[in-house]
Protein backbone atom coordinates (compact mmCIF):
# COMPACT_ATOMS: atom_id res chain seq x y z
CA MET A 1 11.92 17.39 15.45
CA PRO A 2 8.41 17.61 13.95
CA GLU A 3 6.51 14.37 13.56
CA VAL A 4 6.01 13.36 9.94
CA THR A 5 2.74 11.78 8.85
CA PRO A 6 3.54 8.54 6.99
CA PHE A 7 2.47 8.04 3.38
CA GLN A 8 -0.60 5.82 3.12
CA VAL A 9 0.15 3.02 0.65
CA LEU A 10 -2.06 0.65 -1.34
CA ILE A 11 -0.22 -2.43 -2.63
CA VAL A 12 -1.59 -4.11 -5.77
CA ASP A 13 -0.19 -7.42 -7.01
CA ASP A 14 -1.83 -10.67 -8.07
CA HIS A 15 0.74 -12.73 -6.13
CA PRO A 16 0.13 -12.82 -2.36
CA LEU A 17 3.81 -13.57 -1.73
CA MET A 18 4.86 -10.40 -3.54
CA ARG A 19 2.32 -8.32 -1.62
CA ARG A 20 3.61 -9.74 1.64
CA GLY A 21 7.23 -9.01 0.72
CA ILE A 22 6.50 -5.44 -0.31
CA ARG A 23 4.52 -4.90 2.90
CA GLN A 24 7.40 -6.24 5.00
CA LEU A 25 9.87 -3.92 3.29
CA LEU A 26 7.65 -0.88 3.73
CA GLU A 27 7.03 -1.70 7.39
CA LEU A 28 10.76 -1.22 8.00
CA ASP A 29 10.42 2.49 7.18
CA PRO A 30 8.19 4.67 9.40
CA ALA A 31 7.60 7.00 6.43
CA PHE A 32 5.16 4.44 4.98
CA HIS A 33 1.96 2.89 6.30
CA VAL A 34 0.29 0.15 4.25
CA VAL A 35 -3.44 0.80 4.47
CA ALA A 36 -4.67 -1.89 2.05
CA GLU A 37 -3.76 -4.61 -0.42
CA ALA A 38 -5.50 -5.75 -3.59
CA GLY A 39 -4.99 -8.80 -5.77
CA ASP A 40 -6.54 -7.43 -8.97
CA GLY A 41 -7.29 -4.20 -10.78
CA ALA A 42 -11.00 -4.04 -9.97
CA SER A 43 -10.33 -4.39 -6.24
CA ALA A 44 -7.54 -1.83 -6.48
CA ILE A 45 -9.83 0.75 -8.09
CA ASP A 46 -12.51 0.16 -5.45
CA LEU A 47 -10.01 0.48 -2.59
CA ALA A 48 -8.33 3.53 -4.11
CA ASN A 49 -11.68 5.31 -4.43
CA ARG A 50 -12.68 4.50 -0.85
CA ILE A 51 -9.35 4.93 0.94
CA GLU A 52 -7.65 7.58 -1.25
CA PRO A 53 -4.07 6.47 -0.47
CA ASP A 54 -1.09 8.73 -1.05
CA LEU A 55 0.74 6.03 -3.04
CA ILE A 56 -0.35 3.02 -5.07
CA LEU A 57 2.30 0.38 -5.80
CA LEU A 58 1.35 -2.02 -8.57
CA ASP A 59 2.89 -4.38 -11.07
């Protein structure tokens, strides 16, 4: 079976507990790899521009 490259994910939420929970859920699935977290919009934009993730999860 061919190896699948996981989706790179940026998690954005102002609550650290929510970010941690989302990360833990995504870590259960090898199709996702959390590459960064941000606690506010400005940080999220900066990280998204630098990292260019495949997915951005935000509230």
